Protein backbone atom coordinates (compact mmCIF):
# COMPACT_ATOMS: atom_id res chain seq x y z
CA MET A 1 -0.02 -0.03 0.02
CA THR A 2 1.20 3.47 -0.77
CA THR A 3 1.45 6.25 1.78
CA THR A 4 -1.51 7.95 0.11
CA GLU A 5 -3.62 4.76 0.48
CA TRP A 6 -2.74 4.53 4.15
CA ILE A 7 -3.56 8.16 4.81
CA THR A 8 -6.95 7.98 3.03
CA ASP A 9 -7.96 4.68 4.74
CA ILE A 10 -6.96 6.00 8.16
CA ALA A 11 -8.68 9.33 7.45
CA LEU A 12 -11.93 7.56 6.66
CA ILE A 13 -11.70 5.53 9.89
CA LEU A 14 -10.96 8.69 11.87
CA VAL A 15 -14.09 10.36 10.44
CA VAL A 16 -16.35 8.01 12.48
CA PHE A 17 -14.06 8.00 15.48
CA ARG A 18 -14.50 11.79 15.55
CA GLN A 19 -18.26 11.15 15.57
CA LEU A 20 -18.05 8.98 18.69
CA ARG A 21 -18.14 12.37 20.47
CA GLU A 22 -21.44 14.08 19.93
CA ASP A 23 -21.08 17.05 17.59
CA ARG A 24 -23.19 19.32 15.49
CA LEU A 25 -24.43 18.04 12.11
CA ASP A 26 -23.19 20.54 9.59
CA LEU A 27 -21.86 20.68 6.07
CA LYS A 28 -18.43 19.38 6.97
CA THR A 29 -20.09 16.25 8.32
CA PHE A 30 -21.03 15.42 4.73
CA LEU A 31 -18.21 17.05 2.84
CA VAL A 32 -15.18 15.53 4.59
CA PRO A 33 -16.03 11.86 3.97
CA LEU A 34 -17.45 12.60 0.49
CA GLY A 35 -14.35 14.57 -0.36
CA ILE A 36 -12.07 11.71 0.78
CA VAL A 37 -13.92 9.10 -1.31
CA ALA A 38 -14.15 11.48 -4.27
CA PHE A 39 -10.37 11.82 -4.18
CA VAL A 40 -9.98 8.00 -3.98
CA ALA A 41 -12.43 7.47 -6.84
CA TYR A 42 -10.65 10.08 -8.94
CA SER A 43 -7.27 8.48 -8.18
CA TYR A 44 -8.18 4.89 -8.77
CA LEU A 45 -11.20 4.63 -11.18
CA ASP A 46 -9.84 4.77 -14.64
CA SER A 47 -12.64 2.67 -16.10
CA ILE A 48 -15.23 0.20 -14.99
CA PRO A 49 -14.41 -3.31 -16.30
CA THR A 50 -17.39 -5.05 -17.77
CA ALA A 51 -15.98 -8.27 -19.18
CA GLY A 52 -16.65 -11.71 -17.70
CA HIS A 53 -18.22 -11.48 -14.30
CA ASP A 54 -16.47 -8.22 -13.35
CA LEU A 55 -19.80 -6.40 -12.89
CA VAL A 56 -21.10 -9.21 -10.61
CA LEU A 57 -18.10 -8.72 -8.32
CA ILE A 58 -18.53 -4.88 -8.46
CA ALA A 59 -22.20 -5.12 -7.72
CA ALA A 60 -21.73 -7.56 -4.91
CA LEU A 61 -19.16 -5.42 -3.15
CA MET A 62 -21.24 -2.27 -3.68
CA GLY A 63 -24.14 -4.16 -2.12
CA VAL A 64 -21.96 -4.88 0.89
CA GLY A 65 -21.00 -1.22 1.06
CA ALA A 66 -24.60 -0.10 0.86
CA ALA A 67 -25.60 -2.47 3.68
CA LEU A 68 -22.71 -1.29 5.85
CA GLY A 69 -23.48 2.35 5.10
CA VAL A 70 -27.23 2.27 5.65
CA THR A 71 -26.82 0.30 8.88
CA GLY A 72 -24.08 2.59 10.15
CA GLY A 73 -26.31 5.55 9.38
CA VAL A 74 -29.29 3.98 11.22
CA TYR A 75 -27.01 3.30 14.28
CA THR A 76 -25.93 6.94 14.45
CA ARG A 77 -27.84 8.87 17.12
CA ILE A 78 -29.39 12.07 15.86
CA ARG A 79 -31.18 14.61 18.06
CA THR A 80 -31.72 18.39 18.35
CA LEU A 81 -30.53 20.60 21.08
CA GLY A 82 -31.04 24.32 21.24
CA GLY A 83 -32.09 24.38 17.58
CA HIS A 84 -29.00 22.45 16.42
CA VAL A 85 -28.99 18.91 15.05
CA LEU A 86 -26.44 16.75 16.82
CA ILE A 87 -25.08 13.39 15.79
CA LYS A 88 -23.14 10.71 17.59
CA ALA A 89 -21.94 7.46 16.04
CA GLY A 90 -22.95 4.51 18.20
CA ALA A 91 -20.76 1.51 18.82
CA VAL A 92 -22.47 -0.49 16.05
CA SER A 93 -21.94 2.31 13.57
CA ALA A 94 -18.28 2.70 14.46
CA ILE A 95 -17.65 -1.07 14.37
CA LEU A 96 -19.34 -1.45 10.94
CA TRP A 97 -17.35 1.46 9.57
CA VAL A 98 -14.03 0.02 10.78
CA VAL A 99 -15.02 -3.46 9.55
CA GLY A 100 -15.74 -2.08 6.10
CA MET A 101 -12.57 0.04 5.89
CA GLY A 102 -10.48 -2.56 7.67
CA ALA A 103 -11.64 -5.42 5.34
CA ARG A 104 -10.47 -3.42 2.30
CA MET A 105 -7.08 -2.62 3.92
CA GLY A 106 -6.73 -6.18 5.10
CA PHE A 107 -7.54 -7.57 1.67
CA GLN A 108 -5.02 -5.29 0.00
CA MET A 109 -2.32 -6.18 2.61
CA TRP A 110 -3.05 -9.90 2.21
CA VAL A 111 -2.73 -9.70 -1.64
CA GLU A 112 0.35 -7.56 -1.59
CA HIS A 113 2.31 -8.96 1.36
CA GLY A 114 0.49 -12.01 2.70
CA GLY A 115 0.71 -14.42 -0.23
CA GLY A 116 -2.93 -13.92 -1.32
CA ALA A 117 -2.18 -12.93 -4.84
CA ASP A 118 -2.15 -16.49 -6.11
CA ASP A 119 -5.40 -17.26 -4.26
CA VAL A 120 -7.11 -14.12 -5.79
CA ALA A 121 -5.77 -15.03 -9.21
CA ARG A 122 -7.20 -18.64 -8.92
CA PHE A 123 -10.59 -17.26 -7.61
CA SER A 124 -10.69 -14.68 -10.43
CA LEU A 125 -9.97 -17.36 -13.05
CA ALA A 126 -12.56 -19.75 -11.65
CA HIS A 127 -15.24 -16.95 -11.45
CA HIS A 128 -14.39 -15.16 -14.69
CA ILE A 129 -13.16 -11.97 -13.11
CA THR A 130 -10.94 -10.63 -15.89
CA SER A 131 -8.46 -8.15 -14.35
CA GLN A 132 -6.90 -6.65 -11.23
CA GLN A 133 -8.74 -3.47 -12.17
CA ALA A 134 -12.04 -5.24 -11.48
CA TRP A 135 -10.95 -5.85 -7.89
CA VAL A 136 -9.73 -2.26 -7.50
CA THR A 137 -12.94 -0.92 -9.00
CA ALA A 138 -15.09 -3.17 -6.82
CA PHE A 139 -13.34 -2.06 -3.60
CA VAL A 140 -13.24 1.63 -4.44
CA LEU A 141 -17.01 1.57 -5.28
CA MET A 142 -17.69 -0.41 -2.12
CA ALA A 143 -16.07 2.37 -0.09
CA LEU A 144 -17.76 5.06 -2.13
CA THR A 145 -21.11 3.33 -1.69
CA GLU A 146 -20.63 2.84 2.04
CA VAL A 147 -19.77 6.50 2.53
CA VAL A 148 -22.60 7.85 0.30
CA THR A 149 -25.29 5.63 1.80
CA ARG A 150 -24.15 6.38 5.33
CA VAL A 151 -24.17 10.16 4.90
CA ALA A 152 -27.37 9.97 2.90
CA THR A 153 -29.04 7.92 5.65
CA ILE A 154 -27.90 10.46 8.31
CA PHE A 155 -29.11 13.32 6.17
CA ILE A 156 -32.58 11.75 5.58
CA ARG A 157 -32.83 10.87 9.30
CA SER A 158 -31.88 14.39 10.34
CA ARG A 159 -34.75 15.86 8.28
CA ARG A 160 -37.48 13.62 9.57
CA PRO A 161 -40.34 15.03 11.55
CA GLY A 162 -40.44 13.89 15.16
CA LEU A 163 -36.67 14.08 15.57
CA PRO A 164 -35.98 13.87 19.37
CA ARG A 165 -35.60 17.41 20.67
CA THR A 166 -33.86 18.34 23.88
CA ALA A 167 -34.36 21.77 25.44
CA SER A 168 -31.17 23.73 25.83
CA HIS A 169 -32.37 24.98 29.16
CA PRO A 170 -34.89 23.70 31.77
CA VAL A 171 -38.50 24.31 30.87
CA PRO A 172 -40.40 25.91 33.89
CA ALA A 173 -42.92 23.56 35.45
CA ALA A 174 -45.77 26.01 34.56
CA ASP A 175 -44.81 25.79 30.77
CA ARG A 176 -44.70 21.95 30.72
CA THR A 177 -47.63 20.07 29.15
CA ALA A 178 -48.69 16.73 30.56
């Protein structure tokens, strides 16, 4: 793995760790992770291989990314306080995020340094996956899908009516309704 790959993978993991502390939902909540995956997509997606079963591999990993992203978004706590929307990634959300990012990093390390290249080549041949670019595309689109579906889920949930609201100051007893 290159230094850039390590930095982008670690940055994506840190995005959720930062959200383990409750913070305001604002534009940077969406732009930072989307910017990181946009950079990765720009850097690694030259084309989308379509020969053999390349699209099946790509679709399967995008499906995994979507499942991880939506589930992570659902397990992110969203509430309002003093007119501000706050989010906090729960343990499930953080674990899923790390599993998704870690699986991609682990796979790459296994292929490059752990002797997995031959196993991947045999699997690719047996399942009609035609190139290394198919694997790169599948994993990049998995990450992109995970990030996009997670932030989209958080965005949609933050706009729903009935979002839990917490007063920023105590409400006098005379003003409370039963």
